[in-house]
Amino acid sequence: MRAVYDGKLLIKVLNLSVWSMFHAFISVAPWFLFFVAIEHLGKTELAISNITRSVSALFFVIANSFAVTTGSLVSNAIGAGEGKELFSICRKILKLGYAIGFPLVGIALFCNQWIVGLYTNNELLIELAFAPFIVMLLNYTFALPGYVYLNAVGGTGKTRMTFLFQVTTTVAYLVYLYWLSYYTRASLAVYLTAEYLFVIMLAVQSIIYLKVKHY
């Protein structure tokens, strides 16, 4: 079987994929910006933040896995002429994501001291980590729909829009962190609410876009 070069098809694929690459690149920015913003809080807060971020990686993997699956299912549905099922697919994914994620969140909440104790034997650090740990865990409630609906937009082929949503959300995230750093004396737990703003904005922008497009 001889390979056939199709330049027009290659350009179309590149036009879709390049925005996905930019999206993946800029998605790292909030993690970096967060640690820059809390650096002035002190070594204790940095240590607690590293612990909570490490644990949150598990829930990020869960949420992102469901989100990527959403993108694939949405693409398949649109390809089959069933684009009107988009929101139905998202709702089913969210139910499954919560059914799997919430029990793990509950276990982590119940075993919070033991989990933090795996990283340090400093009793004061374990005690101070309680509030940030709770805030971080509850973010899963908003992160799941945020990433699911964002990937649903990507599943429609509008990868440029997902990149733009990521950019506008990152800017808002940065402004919020700047305000906390220079105009308040917020604790680490309050700084972690920036994650709530980030994922809620992703969800709101994505849902509005999908509804406007009459999916």
N, C-alpha and C. Protein backbone atom coordinates (compact mmCIF):
# COMPACT_ATOMS: atom_id res chain seq x y z
N MET A 1 0.85 -1.19 0.00
CA MET A 1 0.00 0.00 0.00
C MET A 1 0.89 1.25 0.00
N ARG A 2 0.71 2.10 -0.98
CA ARG A 2 1.56 3.28 -1.13
C ARG A 2 1.00 4.46 -0.33
N ALA A 3 1.86 5.13 0.41
CA ALA A 3 1.45 6.30 1.20
C ALA A 3 1.09 7.45 0.27
N VAL A 4 0.07 8.17 0.63
CA VAL A 4 -0.39 9.30 -0.17
C VAL A 4 -0.25 10.58 0.66
N TYR A 5 0.47 11.54 0.12
CA TYR A 5 0.66 12.81 0.83
C TYR A 5 -0.50 13.75 0.50
N ASP A 6 -1.16 14.22 1.54
CA ASP A 6 -2.28 15.14 1.37
C ASP A 6 -1.96 16.42 2.14
N GLY A 7 -1.44 17.40 1.44
CA GLY A 7 -1.01 18.65 2.09
C GLY A 7 -2.14 19.40 2.76
N LYS A 8 -3.31 19.44 2.14
CA LYS A 8 -4.45 20.15 2.70
C LYS A 8 -4.90 19.51 4.01
N LEU A 9 -4.93 18.16 4.03
CA LEU A 9 -5.30 17.45 5.25
C LEU A 9 -4.28 17.69 6.36
N LEU A 10 -3.01 17.71 5.97
CA LEU A 10 -1.95 17.94 6.96
C LEU A 10 -2.09 19.32 7.59
N ILE A 11 -2.42 20.32 6.79
CA ILE A 11 -2.60 21.68 7.29
C ILE A 11 -3.78 21.75 8.25
N LYS A 12 -4.86 21.05 7.91
CA LYS A 12 -6.04 21.03 8.78
C LYS A 12 -5.73 20.39 10.12
N VAL A 13 -4.99 19.28 10.08
CA VAL A 13 -4.60 18.60 11.32
C VAL A 13 -3.70 19.49 12.16
N LEU A 14 -2.75 20.15 11.50
CA LEU A 14 -1.84 21.05 12.20
C LEU A 14 -2.59 22.21 12.83
N ASN A 15 -3.58 22.73 12.11
CA ASN A 15 -4.37 23.85 12.62
C ASN A 15 -5.12 23.48 13.88
N LEU A 16 -5.51 22.21 13.97
CA LEU A 16 -6.20 21.74 15.18
C LEU A 16 -5.20 21.45 16.30
N SER A 17 -4.10 20.78 15.95
CA SER A 17 -3.17 20.31 16.96
C SER A 17 -2.30 21.40 17.57
N VAL A 18 -1.99 22.44 16.80
CA VAL A 18 -1.10 23.47 17.32
C VAL A 18 -1.70 24.18 18.52
N TRP A 19 -3.02 24.37 18.50
CA TRP A 19 -3.66 25.02 19.65
C TRP A 19 -3.70 24.10 20.85
N SER A 20 -3.80 22.81 20.59
CA SER A 20 -3.74 21.84 21.69
C SER A 20 -2.36 21.84 22.33
N MET A 21 -1.34 22.00 21.50
CA MET A 21 0.02 22.07 22.04
C MET A 21 0.21 23.32 22.88
N PHE A 22 -0.27 24.46 22.38
CA PHE A 22 -0.19 25.70 23.15
C PHE A 22 -0.97 25.59 24.47
N HIS A 23 -2.12 24.93 24.38
CA HIS A 23 -2.96 24.74 25.57
C HIS A 23 -2.23 23.92 26.62
N ALA A 24 -1.57 22.84 26.16
CA ALA A 24 -0.82 21.99 27.10
C ALA A 24 0.35 22.75 27.71
N PHE A 25 0.97 23.62 26.91
CA PHE A 25 2.11 24.39 27.39
C PHE A 25 1.70 25.40 28.46
N ILE A 26 0.63 26.14 28.18
CA ILE A 26 0.21 27.20 29.11
C ILE A 26 -0.46 26.64 30.36
N SER A 27 -0.91 25.40 30.31
CA SER A 27 -1.58 24.81 31.48
C SER A 27 -0.61 24.63 32.65
N VAL A 28 0.70 24.67 32.37
CA VAL A 28 1.69 24.55 33.43
C VAL A 28 1.84 25.87 34.19
N ALA A 29 1.48 26.96 33.55
CA ALA A 29 1.69 28.29 34.12
C ALA A 29 1.06 28.49 35.51
N PRO A 30 -0.21 28.07 35.73
CA PRO A 30 -0.80 28.31 37.05
C PRO A 30 -0.02 27.68 38.20
N TRP A 31 0.54 26.50 37.98
CA TRP A 31 1.33 25.86 39.03
C TRP A 31 2.54 26.71 39.39
N PHE A 32 3.25 27.19 38.37
CA PHE A 32 4.43 28.02 38.60
C PHE A 32 4.06 29.33 39.27
N LEU A 33 3.00 29.98 38.77
CA LEU A 33 2.57 31.28 39.29
C LEU A 33 2.14 31.18 40.74
N PHE A 34 1.52 30.06 41.11
CA PHE A 34 1.05 29.89 42.48
C PHE A 34 2.23 29.89 43.45
N PHE A 35 3.27 29.14 43.14
CA PHE A 35 4.41 29.07 44.05
C PHE A 35 5.16 30.40 44.11
N VAL A 36 5.19 31.13 43.03
CA VAL A 36 5.80 32.47 43.04
C VAL A 36 5.01 33.39 43.96
N ALA A 37 3.66 33.28 43.91
CA ALA A 37 2.80 34.16 44.68
C ALA A 37 2.90 33.91 46.18
N ILE A 38 3.09 32.65 46.59
CA ILE A 38 3.09 32.34 48.03
C ILE A 38 4.49 32.31 48.63
N GLU A 39 5.48 32.60 47.81
CA GLU A 39 6.86 32.52 48.30
C GLU A 39 7.09 33.41 49.51
N HIS A 40 6.42 34.57 49.54
CA HIS A 40 6.64 35.52 50.63
C HIS A 40 5.97 35.08 51.94
N LEU A 41 5.12 34.05 51.89
CA LEU A 41 4.42 33.61 53.10
C LEU A 41 5.36 32.90 54.06
N GLY A 42 6.42 32.31 53.54
CA GLY A 42 7.37 31.64 54.42
C GLY A 42 7.61 30.18 54.04
N LYS A 43 8.64 29.60 54.65
CA LYS A 43 9.02 28.22 54.34
C LYS A 43 7.96 27.21 54.77
N THR A 44 7.28 27.49 55.87
CA THR A 44 6.24 26.57 56.34
C THR A 44 5.12 26.45 55.33
N GLU A 45 4.66 27.60 54.85
CA GLU A 45 3.57 27.61 53.86
C GLU A 45 4.00 26.94 52.55
N LEU A 46 5.25 27.15 52.16
CA LEU A 46 5.76 26.51 50.95
C LEU A 46 5.78 24.99 51.12
N ALA A 47 6.19 24.54 52.30
CA ALA A 47 6.23 23.10 52.56
C ALA A 47 4.83 22.51 52.53
N ILE A 48 3.88 23.20 53.16
CA ILE A 48 2.49 22.73 53.17
C ILE A 48 1.92 22.71 51.76
N SER A 49 2.23 23.75 51.01
CA SER A 49 1.74 23.83 49.64
C SER A 49 2.27 22.69 48.79
N ASN A 50 3.55 22.36 48.98
CA ASN A 50 4.13 21.24 48.24
C ASN A 50 3.43 19.93 48.58
N ILE A 51 3.08 19.76 49.84
CA ILE A 51 2.39 18.54 50.26
C ILE A 51 1.00 18.47 49.64
N THR A 52 0.25 19.56 49.78
CA THR A 52 -1.12 19.56 49.26
C THR A 52 -1.14 19.43 47.74
N ARG A 53 -0.20 20.06 47.07
CA ARG A 53 -0.12 19.95 45.62
C ARG A 53 0.21 18.52 45.20
N SER A 54 1.07 17.88 45.97
CA SER A 54 1.44 16.51 45.66
C SER A 54 0.23 15.58 45.76
N VAL A 55 -0.56 15.76 46.81
CA VAL A 55 -1.76 14.93 46.99
C VAL A 55 -2.80 15.26 45.92
N SER A 56 -2.92 16.55 45.59
CA SER A 56 -3.92 16.97 44.61
C SER A 56 -3.64 16.41 43.22
N ALA A 57 -2.38 16.01 42.98
CA ALA A 57 -2.03 15.44 41.68
C ALA A 57 -2.86 14.20 41.38
N LEU A 58 -3.15 13.40 42.42
CA LEU A 58 -3.98 12.21 42.23
C LEU A 58 -5.36 12.58 41.71
N PHE A 59 -5.96 13.60 42.30
CA PHE A 59 -7.31 14.00 41.90
C PHE A 59 -7.29 14.72 40.55
N PHE A 60 -6.18 15.39 40.25
CA PHE A 60 -6.04 16.00 38.94
C PHE A 60 -6.00 14.93 37.86
N VAL A 61 -5.29 13.84 38.13
CA VAL A 61 -5.20 12.74 37.16
C VAL A 61 -6.59 12.15 36.92
N ILE A 62 -7.36 11.98 37.98
CA ILE A 62 -8.71 11.42 37.85
C ILE A 62 -9.59 12.35 37.01
N ALA A 63 -9.60 13.64 37.39
CA ALA A 63 -10.43 14.61 36.67
C ALA A 63 -10.00 14.73 35.22
N ASN A 64 -8.69 14.77 34.98
CA ASN A 64 -8.19 14.93 33.62
C ASN A 64 -8.48 13.69 32.77
N SER A 65 -8.46 12.51 33.39
CA SER A 65 -8.76 11.28 32.65
C SER A 65 -10.20 11.29 32.15
N PHE A 66 -11.12 11.68 33.02
CA PHE A 66 -12.52 11.78 32.61
C PHE A 66 -12.70 12.87 31.55
N ALA A 67 -11.94 13.95 31.69
CA ALA A 67 -12.04 15.06 30.75
C ALA A 67 -11.58 14.65 29.35
N VAL A 68 -10.46 13.96 29.28
CA VAL A 68 -9.94 13.51 27.99
C VAL A 68 -10.91 12.52 27.34
N THR A 69 -11.49 11.65 28.17
CA THR A 69 -12.50 10.71 27.66
C THR A 69 -13.70 11.45 27.10
N THR A 70 -14.08 12.53 27.77
CA THR A 70 -15.20 13.36 27.29
C THR A 70 -14.93 13.89 25.90
N GLY A 71 -13.72 14.40 25.69
CA GLY A 71 -13.36 14.92 24.38
C GLY A 71 -13.50 13.87 23.29
N SER A 72 -13.06 12.65 23.58
CA SER A 72 -13.15 11.57 22.59
C SER A 72 -14.60 11.20 22.30
N LEU A 73 -15.41 11.10 23.36
CA LEU A 73 -16.82 10.72 23.18
C LEU A 73 -17.60 11.80 22.43
N VAL A 74 -17.29 13.05 22.73
CA VAL A 74 -17.96 14.16 22.03
C VAL A 74 -17.60 14.15 20.55
N SER A 75 -16.33 13.93 20.26
CA SER A 75 -15.90 13.86 18.85
C SER A 75 -16.61 12.73 18.11
N ASN A 76 -16.71 11.58 18.76
CA ASN A 76 -17.39 10.44 18.14
C ASN A 76 -18.86 10.73 17.91
N ALA A 77 -19.49 11.39 18.90
CA ALA A 77 -20.92 11.70 18.78
C ALA A 77 -21.18 12.67 17.64
N ILE A 78 -20.34 13.69 17.53
CA ILE A 78 -20.50 14.66 16.44
C ILE A 78 -20.26 14.00 15.09
N GLY A 79 -19.25 13.14 15.04
CA GLY A 79 -18.98 12.42 13.80
C GLY A 79 -20.12 11.52 13.38
N ALA A 80 -20.88 11.03 14.36
CA ALA A 80 -22.02 10.17 14.07
C ALA A 80 -23.31 10.96 13.88
N GLY A 81 -23.19 12.29 13.90
CA GLY A 81 -24.37 13.13 13.71
C GLY A 81 -25.23 13.26 14.95
N GLU A 82 -24.64 12.99 16.11
CA GLU A 82 -25.38 13.05 17.38
C GLU A 82 -24.85 14.16 18.27
N GLY A 83 -24.54 15.30 17.68
CA GLY A 83 -24.00 16.42 18.45
C GLY A 83 -24.92 16.91 19.54
N LYS A 84 -26.23 16.69 19.38
CA LYS A 84 -27.19 17.14 20.39
C LYS A 84 -27.04 16.37 21.71
N GLU A 85 -26.30 15.27 21.67
CA GLU A 85 -26.09 14.47 22.88
C GLU A 85 -24.91 14.96 23.71
N LEU A 86 -24.28 16.06 23.29
CA LEU A 86 -23.07 16.54 23.95
C LEU A 86 -23.26 16.74 25.45
N PHE A 87 -24.27 17.50 25.83
CA PHE A 87 -24.47 17.78 27.26
C PHE A 87 -24.87 16.52 28.03
N SER A 88 -25.58 15.62 27.36
CA SER A 88 -25.94 14.36 27.99
C SER A 88 -24.68 13.54 28.30
N ILE A 89 -23.75 13.54 27.37
CA ILE A 89 -22.48 12.84 27.57
C ILE A 89 -21.72 13.45 28.75
N CYS A 90 -21.66 14.77 28.78
CA CYS A 90 -20.96 15.46 29.87
C CYS A 90 -21.57 15.14 31.22
N ARG A 91 -22.90 15.12 31.29
CA ARG A 91 -23.58 14.83 32.56
C ARG A 91 -23.26 13.40 33.03
N LYS A 92 -23.24 12.46 32.11
CA LYS A 92 -22.93 11.08 32.48
C LYS A 92 -21.49 10.95 32.96
N ILE A 93 -20.58 11.65 32.29
CA ILE A 93 -19.18 11.64 32.70
C ILE A 93 -19.02 12.24 34.09
N LEU A 94 -19.74 13.34 34.34
CA LEU A 94 -19.66 13.99 35.66
C LEU A 94 -20.18 13.07 36.76
N LYS A 95 -21.28 12.38 36.50
CA LYS A 95 -21.84 11.46 37.50
C LYS A 95 -20.83 10.36 37.82
N LEU A 96 -20.22 9.82 36.78
CA LEU A 96 -19.23 8.77 36.99
C LEU A 96 -17.99 9.31 37.71
N GLY A 97 -17.58 10.51 37.31
CA GLY A 97 -16.41 11.12 37.94
C GLY A 97 -16.62 11.40 39.42
N TYR A 98 -17.82 11.87 39.76
CA TYR A 98 -18.12 12.12 41.17
C TYR A 98 -18.27 10.82 41.95
N ALA A 99 -18.85 9.81 41.30
CA ALA A 99 -19.04 8.52 41.96
C ALA A 99 -17.70 7.89 42.34
N ILE A 100 -16.69 8.12 41.51
CA ILE A 100 -15.36 7.57 41.79
C ILE A 100 -14.54 8.51 42.66
N GLY A 101 -14.62 9.80 42.38
CA GLY A 101 -13.77 10.77 43.07
C GLY A 101 -14.19 11.09 44.49
N PHE A 102 -15.50 11.25 44.73
CA PHE A 102 -15.97 11.66 46.06
C PHE A 102 -15.61 10.67 47.17
N PRO A 103 -15.74 9.35 46.94
CA PRO A 103 -15.29 8.43 48.00
C PRO A 103 -13.81 8.60 48.33
N LEU A 104 -12.99 8.85 47.32
CA LEU A 104 -11.56 9.07 47.56
C LEU A 104 -11.32 10.37 48.32
N VAL A 105 -12.11 11.40 47.99
CA VAL A 105 -12.02 12.67 48.72
C VAL A 105 -12.40 12.45 50.18
N GLY A 106 -13.47 11.69 50.40
CA GLY A 106 -13.91 11.39 51.77
C GLY A 106 -12.83 10.65 52.56
N ILE A 107 -12.20 9.68 51.92
CA ILE A 107 -11.14 8.92 52.59
C ILE A 107 -9.96 9.84 52.93
N ALA A 108 -9.61 10.70 51.97
CA ALA A 108 -8.50 11.63 52.20
C ALA A 108 -8.81 12.61 53.33
N LEU A 109 -10.07 13.07 53.38
CA LEU A 109 -10.47 13.98 54.47
C LEU A 109 -10.37 13.28 55.82
N PHE A 110 -10.83 12.05 55.86
CA PHE A 110 -10.83 11.29 57.12
C PHE A 110 -9.41 10.96 57.57
N CYS A 111 -8.54 10.72 56.59
CA CYS A 111 -7.16 10.30 56.90
C CYS A 111 -6.16 11.42 56.67
N ASN A 112 -6.61 12.67 56.78
CA ASN A 112 -5.75 13.79 56.41
C ASN A 112 -4.44 13.83 57.20
N GLN A 113 -4.50 13.58 58.51
CA GLN A 113 -3.29 13.64 59.31
C GLN A 113 -2.32 12.53 58.94
N TRP A 114 -2.84 11.38 58.66
CA TRP A 114 -1.99 10.25 58.27
C TRP A 114 -1.33 10.51 56.92
N ILE A 115 -2.10 11.07 55.98
CA ILE A 115 -1.55 11.35 54.64
C ILE A 115 -0.45 12.40 54.71
N VAL A 116 -0.72 13.49 55.43
CA VAL A 116 0.31 14.54 55.58
C VAL A 116 1.51 13.98 56.33
N GLY A 117 1.24 13.07 57.27
CA GLY A 117 2.32 12.46 58.04
C GLY A 117 3.26 11.61 57.21
N LEU A 118 2.81 11.20 56.04
CA LEU A 118 3.69 10.45 55.14
C LEU A 118 4.81 11.35 54.58
N TYR A 119 4.55 12.66 54.58
CA TYR A 119 5.52 13.61 54.03
C TYR A 119 6.40 14.23 55.10
N THR A 120 5.89 14.32 56.33
CA THR A 120 6.64 14.95 57.41
C THR A 120 6.22 14.40 58.76
N ASN A 121 7.14 14.42 59.72
CA ASN A 121 6.81 14.03 61.09
C ASN A 121 6.72 15.24 62.02
N ASN A 122 6.72 16.43 61.41
CA ASN A 122 6.60 17.67 62.17
C ASN A 122 5.14 17.88 62.56
N GLU A 123 4.84 17.79 63.85
CA GLU A 123 3.47 17.87 64.33
C GLU A 123 2.83 19.23 64.02
N LEU A 124 3.61 20.30 64.14
CA LEU A 124 3.08 21.63 63.85
C LEU A 124 2.71 21.75 62.37
N LEU A 125 3.55 21.20 61.51
CA LEU A 125 3.29 21.24 60.07
C LEU A 125 2.02 20.45 59.73
N ILE A 126 1.86 19.31 60.38
CA ILE A 126 0.66 18.49 60.15
C ILE A 126 -0.59 19.23 60.57
N GLU A 127 -0.49 19.94 61.70
CA GLU A 127 -1.65 20.69 62.20
C GLU A 127 -1.98 21.88 61.29
N LEU A 128 -0.95 22.62 60.87
CA LEU A 128 -1.18 23.79 60.03
C LEU A 128 -1.65 23.41 58.63
N ALA A 129 -1.37 22.20 58.21
CA ALA A 129 -1.74 21.77 56.86
C ALA A 129 -3.22 21.41 56.75
N PHE A 130 -3.92 21.33 57.87
CA PHE A 130 -5.31 20.83 57.85
C PHE A 130 -6.22 21.68 56.96
N ALA A 131 -6.27 23.00 57.19
CA ALA A 131 -7.17 23.86 56.41
C ALA A 131 -6.81 23.89 54.92
N PRO A 132 -5.54 24.10 54.54
CA PRO A 132 -5.20 24.05 53.12
C PRO A 132 -5.53 22.70 52.48
N PHE A 133 -5.34 21.63 53.25
CA PHE A 133 -5.61 20.29 52.74
C PHE A 133 -7.09 20.12 52.41
N ILE A 134 -7.96 20.63 53.28
CA ILE A 134 -9.40 20.55 53.07
C ILE A 134 -9.81 21.36 51.84
N VAL A 135 -9.28 22.59 51.75
CA VAL A 135 -9.60 23.45 50.60
C VAL A 135 -9.17 22.78 49.30
N MET A 136 -7.99 22.19 49.31
CA MET A 136 -7.47 21.53 48.11
C MET A 136 -8.35 20.36 47.70
N LEU A 137 -8.78 19.55 48.65
CA LEU A 137 -9.58 18.38 48.34
C LEU A 137 -10.95 18.75 47.78
N LEU A 138 -11.59 19.76 48.36
CA LEU A 138 -12.92 20.15 47.92
C LEU A 138 -12.92 20.77 46.53
N ASN A 139 -11.74 21.17 46.06
CA ASN A 139 -11.65 21.73 44.72
C ASN A 139 -12.04 20.72 43.64
N TYR A 140 -11.97 19.43 43.97
CA TYR A 140 -12.35 18.40 43.00
C TYR A 140 -13.79 18.59 42.53
N THR A 141 -14.64 19.11 43.42
CA THR A 141 -16.04 19.35 43.08
C THR A 141 -16.17 20.25 41.86
N PHE A 142 -15.30 21.24 41.76
CA PHE A 142 -15.37 22.21 40.66
C PHE A 142 -14.41 21.87 39.52
N ALA A 143 -13.30 21.20 39.85
CA ALA A 143 -12.30 20.88 38.83
C ALA A 143 -12.85 19.90 37.80
N LEU A 144 -13.64 18.93 38.27
CA LEU A 144 -14.16 17.93 37.34
C LEU A 144 -15.01 18.55 36.24
N PRO A 145 -16.05 19.35 36.55
CA PRO A 145 -16.81 19.97 35.46
C PRO A 145 -15.98 20.97 34.65
N GLY A 146 -15.05 21.64 35.30
CA GLY A 146 -14.21 22.59 34.58
C GLY A 146 -13.45 21.92 33.45
N TYR A 147 -12.78 20.83 33.76
CA TYR A 147 -11.99 20.13 32.75
C TYR A 147 -12.86 19.34 31.79
N VAL A 148 -13.96 18.80 32.27
CA VAL A 148 -14.85 18.02 31.39
C VAL A 148 -15.44 18.90 30.29
N TYR A 149 -15.99 20.05 30.68
CA TYR A 149 -16.61 20.92 29.68
C TYR A 149 -15.56 21.57 28.77
N LEU A 150 -14.38 21.86 29.30
CA LEU A 150 -13.33 22.41 28.46
C LEU A 150 -12.94 21.41 27.37
N ASN A 151 -12.81 20.14 27.75
CA ASN A 151 -12.46 19.12 26.78
C ASN A 151 -13.61 18.80 25.84
N ALA A 152 -14.84 19.06 26.29
CA ALA A 152 -15.98 18.90 25.39
C ALA A 152 -15.88 19.91 24.25
N VAL A 153 -15.45 21.14 24.58
CA VAL A 153 -15.23 22.15 23.54
C VAL A 153 -14.14 21.68 22.58
N GLY A 154 -13.07 21.13 23.13
CA GLY A 154 -12.00 20.61 22.29
C GLY A 154 -12.48 19.46 21.42
N GLY A 155 -13.41 18.66 21.96
CA GLY A 155 -13.96 17.54 21.21
C GLY A 155 -14.78 17.97 20.01
N THR A 156 -15.27 19.20 20.02
CA THR A 156 -16.02 19.72 18.86
C THR A 156 -15.07 20.19 17.76
N GLY A 157 -13.77 20.15 18.05
CA GLY A 157 -12.79 20.59 17.07
C GLY A 157 -12.34 22.02 17.25
N LYS A 158 -12.90 22.72 18.25
CA LYS A 158 -12.56 24.13 18.47
C LYS A 158 -11.39 24.24 19.45
N THR A 159 -10.24 23.73 19.05
CA THR A 159 -9.07 23.74 19.93
C THR A 159 -8.56 25.15 20.20
N ARG A 160 -8.78 26.05 19.25
CA ARG A 160 -8.36 27.44 19.47
C ARG A 160 -9.15 28.06 20.62
N MET A 161 -10.42 27.71 20.73
CA MET A 161 -11.24 28.25 21.81
C MET A 161 -10.77 27.74 23.16
N THR A 162 -10.40 26.46 23.24
CA THR A 162 -9.91 25.93 24.52
C THR A 162 -8.64 26.65 24.94
N PHE A 163 -7.80 26.99 23.97
CA PHE A 163 -6.58 27.74 24.27
C PHE A 163 -6.92 29.14 24.78
N LEU A 164 -7.87 29.81 24.12
CA LEU A 164 -8.28 31.15 24.53
C LEU A 164 -8.90 31.13 25.93
N PHE A 165 -9.71 30.11 26.21
CA PHE A 165 -10.30 29.99 27.54
C PHE A 165 -9.20 29.82 28.58
N GLN A 166 -8.19 29.01 28.25
CA GLN A 166 -7.08 28.79 29.17
C GLN A 166 -6.32 30.09 29.42
N VAL A 167 -6.13 30.87 28.37
CA VAL A 167 -5.39 32.14 28.50
C VAL A 167 -6.15 33.13 29.38
N THR A 168 -7.44 33.34 29.08
CA THR A 168 -8.22 34.30 29.86
C THR A 168 -8.33 33.87 31.32
N THR A 169 -8.46 32.58 31.54
CA THR A 169 -8.56 32.06 32.91
C THR A 169 -7.24 32.23 33.65
N THR A 170 -6.14 31.99 32.97
CA THR A 170 -4.83 32.15 33.59
C THR A 170 -4.58 33.61 33.96
N VAL A 171 -5.01 34.54 33.11
CA VAL A 171 -4.87 35.97 33.41
C VAL A 171 -5.67 36.33 34.65
N ALA A 172 -6.92 35.86 34.73
CA ALA A 172 -7.75 36.12 35.91
C ALA A 172 -7.12 35.51 37.16
N TYR A 173 -6.57 34.33 37.01
CA TYR A 173 -5.89 33.63 38.10
C TYR A 173 -4.72 34.45 38.61
N LEU A 174 -3.95 35.00 37.67
CA LEU A 174 -2.80 35.81 38.03
C LEU A 174 -3.21 37.10 38.72
N VAL A 175 -4.26 37.74 38.24
CA VAL A 175 -4.75 38.97 38.85
C VAL A 175 -5.22 38.70 40.28
N TYR A 176 -5.91 37.59 40.46
CA TYR A 176 -6.40 37.22 41.80
C TYR A 176 -5.23 36.98 42.76
N LEU A 177 -4.21 36.26 42.30
CA LEU A 177 -3.04 36.02 43.14
C LEU A 177 -2.31 37.32 43.45
N TYR A 178 -2.24 38.22 42.47
CA TYR A 178 -1.59 39.52 42.68
C TYR A 178 -2.34 40.31 43.75
N TRP A 179 -3.67 40.29 43.67
CA TRP A 179 -4.48 41.01 44.65
C TRP A 179 -4.28 40.44 46.05
N LEU A 180 -4.25 39.11 46.16
CA LEU A 180 -4.03 38.48 47.47
C LEU A 180 -2.65 38.83 48.02
N SER A 181 -1.66 38.89 47.14
CA SER A 181 -0.28 39.10 47.57
C SER A 181 -0.01 40.52 48.02
N TYR A 182 -0.62 41.52 47.34
CA TYR A 182 -0.26 42.91 47.58
C TYR A 182 -1.32 43.73 48.32
N TYR A 183 -2.53 43.20 48.42
CA TYR A 183 -3.60 43.98 49.05
C TYR A 183 -4.28 43.27 50.22
N THR A 184 -3.85 42.07 50.54
CA THR A 184 -4.43 41.35 51.66
C THR A 184 -3.33 40.66 52.46
N ARG A 185 -3.71 40.12 53.57
CA ARG A 185 -2.82 39.28 54.37
C ARG A 185 -3.43 37.89 54.46
N ALA A 186 -3.71 37.34 53.32
CA ALA A 186 -4.43 36.08 53.24
C ALA A 186 -3.54 34.91 53.68
N SER A 187 -4.21 33.87 54.19
CA SER A 187 -3.51 32.64 54.57
C SER A 187 -3.35 31.76 53.33
N LEU A 188 -2.61 30.68 53.50
CA LEU A 188 -2.39 29.76 52.40
C LEU A 188 -3.70 29.15 51.92
N ALA A 189 -4.60 28.87 52.86
CA ALA A 189 -5.90 28.28 52.50
C ALA A 189 -6.67 29.20 51.55
N VAL A 190 -6.58 30.52 51.79
CA VAL A 190 -7.26 31.49 50.92
C VAL A 190 -6.59 31.52 49.55
N TYR A 191 -5.26 31.45 49.54
CA TYR A 191 -4.55 31.42 48.26
C TYR A 191 -5.00 30.23 47.41
N LEU A 192 -5.27 29.12 48.07
CA LEU A 192 -5.68 27.92 47.33
C LEU A 192 -7.05 28.08 46.67
N THR A 193 -7.83 29.06 47.12
CA THR A 193 -9.12 29.29 46.47
C THR A 193 -8.95 29.81 45.05
N ALA A 194 -7.73 30.23 44.70
CA ALA A 194 -7.44 30.63 43.33
C ALA A 194 -7.70 29.48 42.37
N GLU A 195 -7.50 28.25 42.86
CA GLU A 195 -7.78 27.07 42.04
C GLU A 195 -9.27 26.97 41.73
N TYR A 196 -10.10 27.37 42.70
CA TYR A 196 -11.55 27.36 42.49
C TYR A 196 -11.91 28.32 41.36
N LEU A 197 -11.33 29.53 41.44
CA LEU A 197 -11.59 30.53 40.40
C LEU A 197 -11.18 30.00 39.03
N PHE A 198 -10.05 29.35 38.97
CA PHE A 198 -9.50 28.85 37.71
C PHE A 198 -10.45 27.85 37.05
N VAL A 199 -10.83 26.82 37.78
CA VAL A 199 -11.64 25.75 37.17
C VAL A 199 -13.09 26.19 36.95
N ILE A 200 -13.61 27.06 37.82
CA ILE A 200 -14.99 27.56 37.63
C ILE A 200 -15.07 28.40 36.38
N MET A 201 -14.05 29.23 36.15
CA MET A 201 -14.04 30.05 34.93
C MET A 201 -13.95 29.19 33.68
N LEU A 202 -13.16 28.12 33.74
CA LEU A 202 -13.08 27.21 32.61
C LEU A 202 -14.44 26.61 32.29
N ALA A 203 -15.15 26.19 33.35
CA ALA A 203 -16.46 25.57 33.16
C ALA A 203 -17.47 26.57 32.60
N VAL A 204 -17.52 27.76 33.19
CA VAL A 204 -18.50 28.77 32.77
C VAL A 204 -18.29 29.17 31.31
N GLN A 205 -17.05 29.46 30.94
CA GLN A 205 -16.77 29.86 29.56
C GLN A 205 -17.13 28.74 28.59
N SER A 206 -16.79 27.52 28.95
CA SER A 206 -17.04 26.39 28.06
C SER A 206 -18.53 26.12 27.89
N ILE A 207 -19.27 26.16 29.00
CA ILE A 207 -20.72 25.90 28.94
C ILE A 207 -21.42 26.97 28.12
N ILE A 208 -21.06 28.23 28.36
CA ILE A 208 -21.67 29.32 27.59
C ILE A 208 -21.40 29.15 26.10
N TYR A 209 -20.15 28.82 25.76
CA TYR A 209 -19.78 28.64 24.36
C TYR A 209 -20.59 27.51 23.72
N LEU A 210 -20.70 26.40 24.41
CA LEU A 210 -21.41 25.24 23.86
C LEU A 210 -22.90 25.53 23.69
N LYS A 211 -23.47 26.28 24.64
CA LYS A 211 -24.89 26.63 24.52
C LYS A 211 -25.13 27.61 23.39
N VAL A 212 -24.22 28.55 23.23
CA VAL A 212 -24.34 29.52 22.13
C VAL A 212 -24.28 28.81 20.78
N LYS A 213 -23.46 27.75 20.73
CA LYS A 213 -23.33 26.99 19.49
C LYS A 213 -24.46 25.98 19.31
N HIS A 214 -25.41 25.97 20.27
CA HIS A 214 -26.63 25.16 20.19
C HIS A 214 -26.36 23.65 20.19
N TYR A 215 -25.41 23.24 20.98
CA TYR A 215 -25.19 21.81 21.13
C TYR A 215 -26.17 21.25 22.15
